[in-house]
Amino acid sequence: MKRESGDKSYPIWVLINPKHPISHDNWTPVLDAIQDKVYREMHTRIETNNIYFRNAVSESRLVPNTLNWWGPEVAKEIELFRKLALEYKPRIIFSLGAFAYEFLRRVYEIKPEKGPKAWSNSILGEEFERSLESFDINKTNIIPLLHRVGASANFIDTHNYFYRKDGENYYRYVGTRLAEKIIENKGRLNIWINKSVSLNATCNAP
């Protein structure tokens, strides 16, 4: 994908590791699950064309590894993103994968800084739950997601920590949890296709 797409002024951003373009594909099933829950309860949908997507760094070679962990070029990218975020003040930034999440933590100066092996699927799952528990529509909320789900070696790890109900699909669990939080704040998010319906709708369980 291009370095960026979408509208910076839109309340929802998605940050991607350029080494994993499949991340964009893994975002779609999460979004589908969000839209399903939103439509069932509000009879409208989120306008997705304006969601702002951005590669965390301009080139995949800049993505840190254990040998060049967070060098000066990445520091410049962090500063650039920090300026954008302070200017546009997104309400929700989804990070896809460990690198994107640690990148955002450094953008927002969340301590302590973590190393390349700190963010296992299980720990990202804990961070996901924590981000929803502390969700505040008056500030930027950083929400970590996985960049790879499915027939990977880490799927069992994902299954155990991103949800506790046996047999529940990762995408549906994550999407439903996110939709619930978005619906709670529906009047504070200018993201709806049918604004008159969404803001006045009574949310009922399907």
Protein backbone atom coordinates (compact mmCIF):
# COMPACT_ATOMS: atom_id res chain seq x y z
CA MET A 1 0.00 0.00 0.00
CA LYS A 2 0.96 3.65 -0.23
CA ARG A 3 2.60 5.36 2.74
CA GLU A 4 -0.77 6.79 3.68
CA SER A 5 -4.38 6.92 2.56
CA GLY A 6 -7.61 8.37 3.88
CA ASP A 7 -8.37 11.58 5.75
CA LYS A 8 -6.14 12.75 8.62
CA SER A 9 -9.04 14.67 10.14
CA TYR A 10 -11.09 11.48 10.50
CA PRO A 11 -11.39 10.23 14.12
CA ILE A 12 -10.14 6.71 13.32
CA TRP A 13 -6.56 5.93 12.26
CA VAL A 14 -4.84 2.62 11.53
CA LEU A 15 -1.05 2.28 11.86
CA ILE A 16 0.69 -0.51 9.93
CA ASN A 17 4.11 -2.13 9.81
CA PRO A 18 5.27 -1.84 6.15
CA LYS A 19 6.95 -5.25 6.44
CA HIS A 20 3.53 -6.84 6.79
CA PRO A 21 1.22 -5.59 4.02
CA ILE A 22 -1.11 -8.47 4.92
CA SER A 23 -1.95 -6.38 7.98
CA HIS A 24 -4.31 -4.40 5.80
CA ASP A 25 -6.15 -7.62 4.96
CA ASN A 26 -6.35 -8.58 8.61
CA TRP A 27 -7.93 -5.24 9.43
CA THR A 28 -10.87 -5.92 7.10
CA PRO A 29 -12.39 -8.85 9.06
CA VAL A 30 -12.20 -6.80 12.27
CA LEU A 31 -13.96 -3.92 10.53
CA ASP A 32 -16.60 -6.30 9.14
CA ALA A 33 -17.36 -7.52 12.66
CA ILE A 34 -17.59 -3.93 13.92
CA GLN A 35 -19.96 -2.99 11.12
CA ASP A 36 -22.15 -6.03 11.76
CA LYS A 37 -22.62 -5.13 15.43
CA VAL A 38 -23.16 -1.44 14.63
CA TYR A 39 -25.75 -2.17 11.97
CA ARG A 40 -27.69 -4.58 14.16
CA GLU A 41 -27.92 -2.07 16.99
CA MET A 42 -28.01 1.29 15.20
CA HIS A 43 -29.23 0.51 11.67
CA THR A 44 -26.41 2.47 10.15
CA ARG A 45 -22.75 1.92 9.37
CA ILE A 46 -19.41 3.58 9.90
CA GLU A 47 -18.15 5.58 6.93
CA THR A 48 -14.96 3.67 6.19
CA ASN A 49 -13.69 5.51 3.12
CA ASN A 50 -12.14 8.23 5.27
CA ILE A 51 -10.28 6.03 7.76
CA TYR A 52 -6.68 7.18 7.81
CA PHE A 53 -4.13 4.41 7.14
CA ARG A 54 -0.43 5.00 7.53
CA ASN A 55 2.75 2.96 7.45
CA ALA A 56 4.61 3.67 10.66
CA VAL A 57 7.85 4.24 8.74
CA SER A 58 8.43 5.22 5.13
CA GLU A 59 10.45 2.12 4.22
CA SER A 60 10.38 -1.44 5.48
CA ARG A 61 14.15 -1.38 5.96
CA LEU A 62 13.64 1.11 8.80
CA VAL A 63 11.58 -1.33 10.85
CA PRO A 64 13.79 -2.10 13.85
CA ASN A 65 15.24 -5.52 14.58
CA THR A 66 17.45 -6.71 17.38
CA LEU A 67 20.54 -5.17 15.75
CA ASN A 68 19.29 -1.69 14.89
CA TRP A 69 16.60 -1.29 17.52
CA TRP A 70 15.05 2.19 17.23
CA GLY A 71 17.81 4.05 15.46
CA PRO A 72 17.83 7.76 14.60
CA GLU A 73 15.82 7.29 11.39
CA VAL A 74 12.98 5.73 13.35
CA ALA A 75 13.20 8.52 15.92
CA LYS A 76 12.56 11.01 13.10
CA GLU A 77 9.51 9.02 12.01
CA ILE A 78 8.21 9.03 15.58
CA GLU A 79 8.58 12.80 15.78
CA LEU A 80 6.81 13.24 12.44
CA PHE A 81 3.89 11.09 13.55
CA ARG A 82 3.73 12.89 16.90
CA LYS A 83 3.29 16.22 15.11
CA LEU A 84 0.50 14.78 12.95
CA ALA A 85 -1.28 13.26 15.94
CA LEU A 86 -1.07 16.48 17.96
CA GLU A 87 -2.42 18.47 15.04
CA TYR A 88 -5.34 16.22 14.10
CA LYS A 89 -6.08 14.56 17.45
CA PRO A 90 -7.61 11.25 16.32
CA ARG A 91 -9.91 9.61 18.85
CA ILE A 92 -8.85 6.03 18.07
CA ILE A 93 -5.57 4.72 16.65
CA PHE A 94 -5.44 1.01 15.91
CA SER A 95 -1.94 -0.47 15.77
CA LEU A 96 -1.50 -3.66 13.77
CA GLY A 97 1.27 -5.77 15.27
CA ALA A 98 3.96 -5.36 17.90
CA PHE A 99 6.13 -2.83 16.07
CA ALA A 100 3.26 -0.46 15.35
CA TYR A 101 2.11 -0.65 18.97
CA GLU A 102 5.54 0.10 20.41
CA PHE A 103 5.91 2.88 17.83
CA LEU A 104 2.74 4.53 19.17
CA ARG A 105 3.85 4.08 22.76
CA ARG A 106 6.98 6.02 21.92
CA VAL A 107 4.99 8.66 20.03
CA TYR A 108 2.95 9.25 23.18
CA GLU A 109 5.98 8.74 25.46
CA ILE A 110 4.51 5.80 27.36
CA LYS A 111 7.15 4.26 29.62
CA PRO A 112 8.96 2.00 29.91
CA GLU A 113 10.18 1.59 26.37
CA LYS A 114 10.04 -2.04 25.27
CA GLY A 115 12.42 -4.22 23.31
CA PRO A 116 11.77 -6.23 20.14
CA LYS A 117 10.56 -9.38 21.89
CA ALA A 118 8.39 -7.75 24.56
CA TRP A 119 5.08 -7.88 22.71
CA SER A 120 3.90 -11.47 22.42
CA ASN A 121 0.33 -12.15 21.31
CA SER A 122 -0.63 -12.82 24.92
CA ILE A 123 0.72 -9.48 26.14
CA LEU A 124 -0.86 -7.62 23.23
CA GLY A 125 -4.12 -9.31 24.21
CA GLU A 126 -3.77 -7.95 27.74
CA GLU A 127 -3.01 -4.50 26.33
CA PHE A 128 -6.10 -4.72 24.11
CA GLU A 129 -8.32 -5.40 27.13
CA ARG A 130 -6.62 -2.65 29.13
CA SER A 131 -7.09 -0.14 26.32
CA LEU A 132 -10.84 -0.77 26.28
CA GLU A 133 -11.14 -0.60 30.06
CA SER A 134 -9.47 2.82 30.08
CA PHE A 135 -11.14 4.09 26.89
CA ASP A 136 -11.78 7.86 27.03
CA ILE A 137 -13.36 9.57 24.03
CA ASN A 138 -11.88 12.88 25.16
CA LYS A 139 -8.36 11.72 24.31
CA THR A 140 -6.54 9.61 21.75
CA ASN A 141 -7.00 5.92 22.49
CA ILE A 142 -4.31 3.48 21.30
CA ILE A 143 -5.75 0.02 20.66
CA PRO A 144 -3.41 -2.85 19.69
CA LEU A 145 -4.48 -5.54 17.23
CA LEU A 146 -2.54 -8.41 15.69
CA HIS A 147 -1.03 -8.12 12.22
CA ARG A 148 -1.38 -11.84 11.53
CA VAL A 149 -4.14 -14.25 12.48
CA GLY A 150 -5.11 -17.64 11.14
CA ALA A 151 -3.02 -20.69 10.39
CA SER A 152 0.09 -19.30 12.04
CA ALA A 153 2.06 -20.96 14.79
CA ASN A 154 0.80 -18.31 17.18
CA PHE A 155 -2.89 -18.95 16.63
CA ILE A 156 -3.30 -20.94 19.87
CA ASP A 157 -1.58 -18.14 21.74
CA THR A 158 -4.00 -15.72 20.12
CA HIS A 159 -6.93 -17.95 20.99
CA ASN A 160 -5.96 -18.14 24.64
CA TYR A 161 -5.36 -14.48 25.28
CA PHE A 162 -7.45 -12.39 22.94
CA TYR A 163 -10.62 -14.11 24.10
CA ARG A 164 -11.56 -16.64 26.74
CA LYS A 165 -14.63 -18.27 25.15
CA ASP A 166 -13.83 -21.58 23.47
CA GLY A 167 -14.48 -21.58 19.76
CA GLU A 168 -15.03 -17.84 19.41
CA ASN A 169 -13.46 -16.26 16.37
CA TYR A 170 -10.73 -13.69 17.01
CA TYR A 171 -12.11 -11.20 14.53
CA ARG A 172 -15.66 -11.44 15.85
CA TYR A 173 -14.57 -11.13 19.46
CA VAL A 174 -12.34 -8.11 18.83
CA GLY A 175 -14.78 -6.46 16.42
CA THR A 176 -17.72 -6.88 18.78
CA ARG A 177 -15.80 -5.47 21.74
CA LEU A 178 -14.70 -2.48 19.70
CA ALA A 179 -18.20 -1.90 18.32
CA GLU A 180 -19.61 -1.83 21.85
CA LYS A 181 -17.17 0.91 22.80
CA ILE A 182 -17.86 2.87 19.62
CA ILE A 183 -21.62 2.61 20.13
CA GLU A 184 -21.25 3.85 23.71
CA ASN A 185 -19.65 7.01 22.29
CA LYS A 186 -21.76 7.30 19.12
CA GLY A 187 -22.69 10.92 19.75
CA ARG A 188 -19.06 11.99 20.05
CA LEU A 189 -17.78 10.36 16.87
CA ASN A 190 -18.45 11.95 13.50
CA ILE A 191 -18.08 8.67 11.60
CA TRP A 192 -21.60 7.67 10.59
CA ILE A 193 -23.05 7.23 7.11
CA ASN A 194 -26.56 8.10 8.29
CA LYS A 195 -26.00 10.63 11.06
CA SER A 196 -29.65 11.37 11.80
CA VAL A 197 -30.41 7.71 12.37
CA SER A 198 -27.29 6.87 14.32
CA LEU A 199 -27.36 9.71 16.80
CA ASN A 200 -31.04 9.28 17.65
CA ALA A 201 -31.21 5.51 17.59
CA THR A 202 -31.92 3.49 20.68
CA CYS A 203 -29.40 0.72 20.96
CA ASN A 204 -31.08 -2.64 21.46
CA ALA A 205 -29.47 -6.03 21.56
CA PRO A 206 -29.97 -8.02 18.35
